[in-house]
Amino acid sequence: MPYAKDFEPVALKNTNLFKPIKVGDTEMKQRIVMPPLTRMRAEHPGNVPNKKWAYTYYHQRSQRPGTMIITEGTFISPQAGGYDNAPGIWSKEQIEQWTKIFQGIHDNKSFVWVQLWALGRASFPDTLARNGLRYDAPSDGVYMDKESEEKAIKSGNLQHGLTQAEIKQYIKEYVQAAKNSIAAGANGVEIHAANGYLLNQFLDPIANKRTDEYGGSIEKRARFVLEVVDALVAAVGASKVGIRFSPYGLFNTMSGGADPTLLAQYAYVLGELEKRAIEKKQRLAYVHLVEPRVTNPFLTEGEGEYGDGTNDFAYSIWKGPIIRAGNLALHPDVASQLVNANDRTLLAYGRYFIANPDLVDRLEQGLPLNKYDRSQFYSMTSEGYIDYPEYGK
C-alpha cells in the first residue's frame, strides 16, 4: 500500500487531540472524529445500507475505543433523497441494517451519530421524476446550474419552491428519522445544514428568494433550520443533536466568502443555538464546521481554499463543543494549532479515514498514512472501501 507523499508525519499524542472530552451523553477518549463521508455503496432499490460491506467499513474505523463516528449522509425520506446508492433511515429494512452497523461500532466501545440529509435542489430531477417525487428547493426556478435546469425541463420535473405545509412535512420527517436513529442504537443525530443541500439552501440568499416567513432576511432564512433543531430537541433531547454548517462553502453553488453578509447569517444561527442553551437549558451536543480550507469537497487538498476567512468567530458565540473539518491530515501543524487553541475543539478527518481504518493510532504515533484512491470513493465495490490495510499489515 503506497503512503501519502510530500508529507512528514508528526506524533500528536501530546496535543489536546488525545485529551478526553464529553460530547452530548458520550465520553470520548480522544478528539478525532470521522465526519460524514458519502460512499455510494447503498443497495438499490430501497436505499438500504450495503449488507455485504457497510458493517465491516464502520467496524474497522471505530476500532479505537472512544472514537466518534458520524455516518455518511442518510436520507430522512424518499422525497429528501434522489441518489440511488445513498442510504436512508425510514424503512424497516434500512433500520435493520443500521442497527447491525451501530452495534458493531458499540462493540468497539465507540460512538455513532447519524447525519440526517435532505438534498433539495442538489438532487437529480430526472431520478426524482422516475420515482414520482418533486424536485424541491427553497424557491421556484432558481436552479443550481444549467445542467440541473436542463434535466428538470427534460424530465418534466421543474424546480419546486416548497410550500409552508411541505416545510412542516420535512420537519416531521426529520423527527421520525431522528427517532429511528436513536431506536436503532445511535448515540445521536447530526442535522446536515452544510455543503449546499436543502437546509443550507434556505440559509443562503443565492438559493433562497422567498418573500414569506422563510426568506428575505437573516432571521427568516434561518427559520427552517431552527425549526428542525427545535423539533429534534423536543423529540430526542438536545444532548443527542448536533448540526453541521459550511460558512465558506461553494459546493452546489453556494455563496461562500463572496457574500460578506453570510457570516452574519451564521452568527445569528449560532446565537440562537446558544440562547436556547442558556435560556432553555437545551445545549446541542456540538456544532460541526467545515473550514474555509475546503470550499468544495470534490477538489484535491489545497485547491479552492478561501484564505480571507476563519471559523474562529464561532467560539465567541457558541460555547459548546465545536468540530472542525478540512484538510487536516496532511497538516499536523495546523491540526495541533486548532485543537490546542480552544479546549472545546474536536477535529474531523475525512479522506484519510477512508484510507486508514486505524487513523487514530497513526495520528497518535506519527505513522505514515495510506494514500487514498479517489477513483474508488463512490464505486460499488469492496475495493477502496474495506480493503485498506492497518499499519504494518
Protein backbone atom coordinates (compact mmCIF):
# COMPACT_ATOMS: atom_id res chain seq x y z
CA MET A 1 0.00 0.00 0.00
CA PRO A 2 1.58 3.32 -1.05
CA TYR A 3 1.82 6.08 1.53
CA ALA A 4 0.87 9.73 1.09
CA LYS A 5 3.81 11.61 -0.44
CA ASP A 6 5.24 15.02 0.42
CA PHE A 7 4.07 14.59 3.99
CA GLU A 8 6.08 14.28 7.18
CA PRO A 9 4.06 12.50 9.91
CA VAL A 10 4.10 14.08 13.35
CA ALA A 11 3.01 12.31 16.53
CA LEU A 12 0.06 14.19 18.04
CA LYS A 13 -0.20 12.16 21.25
CA ASN A 14 0.88 15.11 23.40
CA THR A 15 -1.67 17.54 21.97
CA ASN A 16 -5.24 18.12 23.10
CA LEU A 17 -6.28 15.74 20.31
CA PHE A 18 -5.74 12.92 22.79
CA LYS A 19 -7.44 14.59 25.71
CA PRO A 20 -10.90 13.24 26.69
CA ILE A 21 -13.99 15.35 26.04
CA LYS A 22 -17.72 14.95 26.63
CA VAL A 23 -19.97 15.30 23.59
CA GLY A 24 -23.64 15.09 24.41
CA ASP A 25 -24.02 12.00 26.57
CA THR A 26 -20.81 10.37 25.35
CA GLU A 27 -17.36 10.45 26.94
CA MET A 28 -14.84 10.47 24.11
CA LYS A 29 -11.36 9.23 24.94
CA GLN A 30 -9.85 11.47 22.27
CA ARG A 31 -11.00 14.21 19.90
CA ILE A 32 -10.65 12.62 16.48
CA VAL A 33 -13.94 12.40 14.59
CA MET A 34 -14.82 10.53 11.43
CA PRO A 35 -17.08 13.01 9.60
CA PRO A 36 -19.89 12.14 7.17
CA LEU A 37 -18.39 10.50 4.08
CA THR A 38 -20.71 9.73 1.20
CA ARG A 39 -19.59 6.42 -0.33
CA MET A 40 -22.49 5.45 -2.63
CA ARG A 41 -22.49 1.75 -1.65
CA ALA A 42 -26.14 1.52 -0.54
CA GLU A 43 -28.31 -1.02 -2.32
CA HIS A 44 -30.83 0.00 -4.98
CA PRO A 45 -33.76 -0.13 -4.97
CA GLY A 46 -34.50 0.71 -1.38
CA ASN A 47 -31.53 2.89 -0.32
CA VAL A 48 -30.50 0.13 2.09
CA PRO A 49 -27.03 0.27 3.74
CA ASN A 50 -24.84 -2.28 1.98
CA LYS A 51 -25.49 -5.68 3.54
CA LYS A 52 -22.12 -7.13 2.49
CA TRP A 53 -19.66 -4.36 3.33
CA ALA A 54 -21.07 -1.49 5.40
CA TYR A 55 -20.81 -3.29 8.77
CA THR A 56 -17.13 -4.02 8.15
CA TYR A 57 -16.41 -0.49 6.92
CA TYR A 58 -17.77 1.16 10.06
CA HIS A 59 -16.41 -1.51 12.39
CA GLN A 60 -12.90 -1.04 11.02
CA ARG A 61 -12.97 2.73 11.51
CA SER A 62 -14.41 2.62 15.02
CA GLN A 63 -11.79 0.16 16.28
CA ARG A 64 -10.12 2.63 18.65
CA PRO A 65 -12.37 2.76 21.76
CA GLY A 66 -13.98 6.11 22.40
CA THR A 67 -13.99 7.27 18.77
CA MET A 68 -16.84 9.37 17.39
CA ILE A 69 -18.22 8.18 14.04
CA ILE A 70 -20.66 10.33 12.07
CA THR A 71 -22.34 8.27 9.37
CA GLU A 72 -22.50 9.12 5.71
CA GLY A 73 -25.38 11.42 4.82
CA THR A 74 -28.60 9.45 5.33
CA PHE A 75 -31.89 10.41 3.72
CA ILE A 76 -34.75 11.15 6.07
CA SER A 77 -37.39 10.15 3.49
CA PRO A 78 -37.75 9.26 -0.20
CA GLN A 79 -38.70 12.87 -1.00
CA ALA A 80 -35.50 14.10 0.68
CA GLY A 81 -33.35 11.81 -1.48
CA GLY A 82 -32.77 11.22 -5.16
CA TYR A 83 -29.43 9.38 -5.20
CA ASP A 84 -29.95 5.66 -5.77
CA ASN A 85 -26.92 4.44 -3.82
CA ALA A 86 -27.04 6.63 -0.72
CA PRO A 87 -28.75 5.14 2.36
CA GLY A 88 -31.94 6.16 4.08
CA ILE A 89 -33.38 5.56 7.53
CA TRP A 90 -37.14 5.45 7.00
CA SER A 91 -37.84 1.80 6.10
CA LYS A 92 -37.76 -1.35 8.21
CA GLU A 93 -35.04 -2.89 6.02
CA GLN A 94 -32.83 0.20 6.28
CA ILE A 95 -33.25 0.39 10.05
CA GLU A 96 -32.41 -3.30 10.45
CA GLN A 97 -29.10 -2.83 8.64
CA TRP A 98 -28.23 0.32 10.56
CA THR A 99 -28.97 -1.48 13.82
CA LYS A 100 -26.34 -4.10 12.97
CA ILE A 101 -23.83 -1.42 11.97
CA PHE A 102 -24.40 0.61 15.13
CA GLN A 103 -23.97 -2.50 17.28
CA GLY A 104 -20.63 -3.18 15.62
CA ILE A 105 -19.48 0.35 16.47
CA HIS A 106 -20.65 -0.04 20.06
CA ASP A 107 -18.90 -3.40 20.31
CA ASN A 108 -15.70 -1.39 19.77
CA LYS A 109 -16.78 0.90 22.64
CA SER A 110 -17.10 3.80 20.19
CA PHE A 111 -19.97 6.16 19.37
CA VAL A 112 -22.13 6.79 16.32
CA TRP A 113 -24.16 9.77 15.13
CA VAL A 114 -26.39 9.65 12.04
CA GLN A 115 -26.16 12.58 9.63
CA LEU A 116 -29.72 13.42 8.55
CA TRP A 117 -29.78 14.52 4.92
CA ALA A 118 -32.21 16.25 2.56
CA LEU A 119 -30.90 17.18 -0.88
CA GLY A 120 -33.21 19.90 -2.14
CA ARG A 121 -32.10 21.30 -5.49
CA ALA A 122 -28.84 19.32 -5.32
CA SER A 123 -30.83 16.19 -6.14
CA PHE A 124 -31.39 14.77 -9.63
CA PRO A 125 -34.73 15.93 -11.08
CA ASP A 126 -34.88 13.02 -13.52
CA THR A 127 -34.31 10.44 -10.78
CA LEU A 128 -36.98 12.08 -8.65
CA ALA A 129 -39.36 12.12 -11.63
CA ARG A 130 -38.78 8.39 -12.19
CA ASN A 131 -39.87 7.83 -8.60
CA GLY A 132 -42.85 10.17 -8.79
CA LEU A 133 -41.27 12.77 -6.50
CA ARG A 134 -40.97 16.55 -6.61
CA TYR A 135 -37.76 18.45 -7.34
CA ASP A 136 -37.71 20.58 -4.17
CA ALA A 137 -35.90 23.82 -3.38
CA PRO A 138 -36.46 26.98 -1.36
CA SER A 139 -37.73 28.84 -4.43
CA ASP A 140 -39.23 28.12 -7.83
CA GLY A 141 -36.86 28.16 -10.79
CA VAL A 142 -33.64 29.17 -9.00
CA TYR A 143 -31.59 26.32 -10.42
CA MET A 144 -28.22 25.23 -9.10
CA ASP A 145 -26.71 25.19 -12.58
CA LYS A 146 -27.61 24.86 -16.26
CA GLU A 147 -27.29 21.08 -16.19
CA SER A 148 -29.85 20.78 -13.40
CA GLU A 149 -32.23 23.09 -15.25
CA GLU A 150 -31.94 21.09 -18.46
CA LYS A 151 -32.56 17.81 -16.63
CA ALA A 152 -35.57 19.33 -14.88
CA ILE A 153 -37.08 20.53 -18.15
CA LYS A 154 -36.38 17.30 -20.00
CA SER A 155 -37.88 15.15 -17.25
CA GLY A 156 -40.85 17.46 -16.76
CA ASN A 157 -39.92 17.90 -13.10
CA LEU A 158 -39.36 21.62 -12.70
CA GLN A 159 -37.80 23.03 -9.57
CA HIS A 160 -40.47 23.45 -6.90
CA GLY A 161 -40.33 26.05 -4.16
CA LEU A 162 -41.59 24.38 -1.00
CA THR A 163 -44.91 25.46 0.43
CA GLN A 164 -45.10 26.10 4.14
CA ALA A 165 -47.11 22.90 4.55
CA GLU A 166 -44.36 20.96 2.74
CA ILE A 167 -41.72 22.51 5.02
CA LYS A 168 -43.71 21.25 8.00
CA GLN A 169 -43.80 17.79 6.42
CA TYR A 170 -39.99 17.81 6.06
CA ILE A 171 -39.72 18.69 9.75
CA LYS A 172 -41.92 15.70 10.64
CA GLU A 173 -39.65 13.50 8.51
CA TYR A 174 -36.54 14.83 10.29
CA VAL A 175 -38.18 13.96 13.60
CA GLN A 176 -39.08 10.43 12.51
CA ALA A 177 -35.59 9.85 11.11
CA ALA A 178 -34.07 11.01 14.40
CA LYS A 179 -36.35 8.70 16.38
CA ASN A 180 -35.49 5.82 14.04
CA SER A 181 -31.78 6.51 14.50
CA ILE A 182 -31.94 6.51 18.28
CA ALA A 183 -34.15 3.41 18.33
CA ALA A 184 -31.59 1.64 16.11
CA GLY A 185 -28.85 2.38 18.65
CA ALA A 186 -27.28 5.65 17.52
CA ASN A 187 -25.88 7.96 20.20
CA GLY A 188 -27.26 10.97 18.37
CA VAL A 189 -28.00 12.65 15.05
CA GLU A 190 -26.38 15.44 13.06
CA ILE A 191 -28.54 17.88 11.12
CA HIS A 192 -26.91 18.45 7.73
CA ALA A 193 -27.14 22.19 7.10
CA ALA A 194 -23.95 22.42 5.03
CA ASN A 195 -22.48 21.87 1.57
CA GLY A 196 -25.34 23.30 -0.47
CA TYR A 197 -28.08 20.85 0.49
CA LEU A 198 -31.66 21.77 1.40
CA LEU A 199 -31.19 23.47 4.79
CA ASN A 200 -28.07 25.27 3.55
CA GLN A 201 -30.07 26.43 0.51
CA PHE A 202 -32.57 28.11 2.83
CA LEU A 203 -29.73 29.89 4.69
CA ASP A 204 -28.12 31.25 1.51
CA PRO A 205 -29.73 34.12 -0.45
CA ILE A 206 -28.18 32.74 -3.64
CA ALA A 207 -30.79 29.96 -3.48
CA ASN A 208 -33.47 31.39 -1.21
CA LYS A 209 -35.52 34.08 -3.00
CA ARG A 210 -38.60 33.68 -0.82
CA THR A 211 -40.62 36.64 0.44
CA ASP A 212 -42.60 34.81 3.13
CA GLU A 213 -41.57 33.95 6.69
CA TYR A 214 -38.84 31.59 5.38
CA GLY A 215 -36.88 34.15 3.33
CA GLY A 216 -35.92 37.76 2.77
CA SER A 217 -33.94 38.40 5.96
CA ILE A 218 -31.32 36.72 8.10
CA GLU A 219 -33.91 35.76 10.70
CA LYS A 220 -36.37 34.36 8.18
CA ARG A 221 -33.78 32.40 6.20
CA ALA A 222 -32.76 30.73 9.48
CA ARG A 223 -36.32 29.74 10.41
CA PHE A 224 -36.38 26.32 8.71
CA VAL A 225 -33.06 25.25 10.25
CA LEU A 226 -34.07 26.39 13.72
CA GLU A 227 -37.47 24.73 13.46
CA VAL A 228 -35.72 21.46 12.61
CA VAL A 229 -33.40 21.94 15.60
CA ASP A 230 -36.29 22.64 17.97
CA ALA A 231 -38.32 19.69 16.70
CA LEU A 232 -35.44 17.25 17.10
CA VAL A 233 -34.57 18.54 20.56
CA ALA A 234 -38.20 18.00 21.57
CA ALA A 235 -38.17 14.51 20.05
CA VAL A 236 -34.84 13.02 21.23
CA GLY A 237 -33.22 15.60 23.53
CA ALA A 238 -30.63 18.33 22.94
CA SER A 239 -27.74 16.10 24.05
CA LYS A 240 -28.47 13.80 21.10
CA VAL A 241 -28.47 16.51 18.42
CA GLY A 242 -25.58 18.14 16.57
CA ILE A 243 -25.56 20.34 13.47
CA ARG A 244 -23.15 20.95 10.59
CA PHE A 245 -22.51 24.22 8.72
CA SER A 246 -20.12 25.31 5.94
CA PRO A 247 -19.97 29.12 6.21
CA TYR A 248 -17.45 29.50 3.38
CA GLY A 249 -18.61 26.62 1.20
CA LEU A 250 -19.07 26.95 -2.54
CA PHE A 251 -20.16 23.37 -3.25
CA ASN A 252 -23.52 23.06 -5.01
CA THR A 253 -23.20 26.74 -5.97
CA MET A 254 -23.45 28.35 -2.55
CA SER A 255 -22.21 31.92 -1.98
CA GLY A 256 -19.20 31.22 0.24
CA GLY A 257 -16.90 34.08 1.05
CA ALA A 258 -18.14 36.08 -1.95
CA ASP A 259 -21.08 37.27 0.19
CA PRO A 260 -19.76 39.11 3.26
CA THR A 261 -23.24 39.15 4.84
CA LEU A 262 -23.25 35.37 5.23
CA LEU A 263 -21.10 35.43 8.37
CA ALA A 264 -23.88 37.47 9.96
CA GLN A 265 -26.29 34.71 8.91
CA TYR A 266 -24.23 32.03 10.65
CA ALA A 267 -23.53 34.24 13.65
CA TYR A 268 -27.28 34.67 14.05
CA VAL A 269 -27.97 30.93 13.89
CA LEU A 270 -25.18 30.18 16.36
CA GLY A 271 -26.52 32.91 18.63
CA GLU A 272 -29.97 31.33 18.55
CA LEU A 273 -28.47 27.95 19.43
CA GLU A 274 -26.55 29.50 22.33
CA LYS A 275 -29.66 31.36 23.51
CA ARG A 276 -31.54 28.05 23.65
CA ALA A 277 -28.66 26.54 25.61
CA ILE A 278 -28.75 29.33 28.18
CA GLU A 279 -32.44 30.13 28.47
CA LYS A 280 -33.96 26.67 27.95
CA LYS A 281 -31.05 24.52 29.15
CA GLN A 282 -31.11 22.90 25.70
CA ARG A 283 -27.48 22.90 24.60
CA LEU A 284 -26.89 20.87 21.46
CA ALA A 285 -24.19 18.23 21.69
CA TYR A 286 -21.96 20.03 19.20
CA VAL A 287 -21.62 22.34 16.22
CA HIS A 288 -19.65 20.96 13.25
CA LEU A 289 -17.95 23.45 10.93
CA VAL A 290 -16.33 22.90 7.54
CA GLU A 291 -13.19 25.00 7.44
CA PRO A 292 -12.52 27.59 4.71
CA ARG A 293 -9.56 25.34 3.90
CA VAL A 294 -12.09 23.25 1.94
CA THR A 295 -14.78 25.10 -0.02
CA ASN A 296 -15.58 22.20 -2.33
CA PRO A 297 -15.09 18.57 -1.21
CA PHE A 298 -14.53 17.43 -4.81
CA LEU A 299 -11.34 19.47 -5.11
CA THR A 300 -7.98 17.99 -4.12
CA GLU A 301 -6.27 19.17 -0.95
CA GLY A 302 -5.17 22.78 -1.16
CA GLU A 303 -7.41 23.69 -4.11
CA GLY A 304 -10.16 26.23 -3.65
CA GLU A 305 -9.06 27.31 -0.20
CA TYR A 306 -10.58 30.58 0.98
CA GLY A 307 -7.78 32.46 2.69
CA ASP A 308 -9.66 35.54 3.84
CA GLY A 309 -11.90 33.93 6.43
CA THR A 310 -11.86 31.83 9.57
CA ASN A 311 -14.36 29.91 11.69
CA ASP A 312 -12.82 31.29 14.86
CA PHE A 313 -15.78 33.68 15.18
CA ALA A 314 -17.98 30.74 16.25
CA TYR A 315 -16.23 30.37 19.62
CA SER A 316 -17.25 33.84 20.77
CA ILE A 317 -20.93 32.98 20.20
CA TRP A 318 -21.44 29.24 20.69
CA LYS A 319 -19.99 27.92 23.97
CA GLY A 320 -20.35 24.19 23.39
CA PRO A 321 -18.09 21.68 21.60
CA ILE A 322 -17.04 22.53 18.05
CA ILE A 323 -15.86 20.00 15.47
CA ARG A 324 -13.62 21.48 12.76
CA ALA A 325 -13.13 19.65 9.45
CA GLY A 326 -11.00 20.44 6.44
CA ASN A 327 -7.70 19.15 5.05
CA LEU A 328 -6.03 18.46 8.39
CA ALA A 329 -4.43 15.03 7.95
CA LEU A 330 -1.55 16.31 5.82
CA HIS A 331 -1.08 19.37 8.04
CA PRO A 332 -0.42 18.17 11.60
CA ASP A 333 0.90 21.63 12.45
CA VAL A 334 -2.46 23.20 11.63
CA ALA A 335 -4.31 20.39 13.42
CA SER A 336 -2.22 20.87 16.55
CA GLN A 337 -2.76 24.61 16.48
CA LEU A 338 -6.54 24.31 16.08
CA VAL A 339 -7.07 21.67 18.77
CA ASN A 340 -4.79 23.38 21.30
CA ALA A 341 -6.21 26.88 20.76
CA ASN A 342 -9.52 26.14 22.48
CA ASP A 343 -10.42 23.32 24.86
CA ARG A 344 -13.83 22.82 23.22
CA THR A 345 -12.35 21.72 19.89
CA LEU A 346 -12.52 18.36 18.12
CA LEU A 347 -11.07 17.61 14.68
CA ALA A 348 -12.64 15.63 11.85
CA TYR A 349 -10.54 13.73 9.32
CA GLY A 350 -12.35 12.59 6.19
CA ARG A 351 -10.47 11.27 3.18
CA TYR A 352 -7.65 9.80 5.23
CA PHE A 353 -10.12 7.99 7.48
CA ILE A 354 -11.30 6.28 4.30
CA ALA A 355 -7.79 5.02 3.54
CA ASN A 356 -6.64 4.44 7.13
CA PRO A 357 -9.01 2.39 9.27
CA ASP A 358 -6.53 2.76 12.14
CA LEU A 359 -6.18 6.51 11.63
CA VAL A 360 -6.44 7.35 15.34
CA ASP A 361 -3.41 5.19 16.13
CA ARG A 362 -1.43 6.63 13.22
CA LEU A 363 -2.11 10.22 14.25
CA GLU A 364 -1.19 9.46 17.85
CA GLN A 365 2.11 7.79 16.95
CA GLY A 366 3.06 9.86 13.90
CA LEU A 367 2.92 6.93 11.45
CA PRO A 368 2.75 7.23 7.65
CA LEU A 369 -0.72 7.46 6.09
CA ASN A 370 -2.05 5.19 3.37
CA LYS A 371 -2.73 7.08 0.17
CA TYR A 372 -6.38 7.07 -0.82
CA ASP A 373 -7.70 6.15 -4.26
CA ARG A 374 -10.15 8.88 -5.28
CA SER A 375 -11.42 6.81 -8.22
CA GLN A 376 -12.95 4.34 -5.72
CA PHE A 377 -14.63 6.85 -3.42
CA TYR A 378 -18.05 6.21 -4.96
CA SER A 379 -17.68 2.89 -6.78
CA MET A 380 -19.98 -0.03 -5.94
CA THR A 381 -17.09 -2.30 -4.95
CA SER A 382 -15.47 -3.59 -1.78
CA GLU A 383 -12.17 -2.30 -3.20
CA GLY A 384 -11.38 1.15 -1.90
CA TYR A 385 -13.93 0.57 0.86
CA ILE A 386 -12.95 -2.23 3.23
CA ASP A 387 -9.56 -3.36 1.83
CA TYR A 388 -7.31 -0.54 3.11
CA PRO A 389 -4.79 -2.16 5.50
CA GLU A 390 -3.86 -1.19 9.01
CA TYR A 391 -0.28 -0.04 9.55
CA GLY A 392 2.25 -2.85 9.18
CA LYS A 393 -0.29 -5.32 7.82
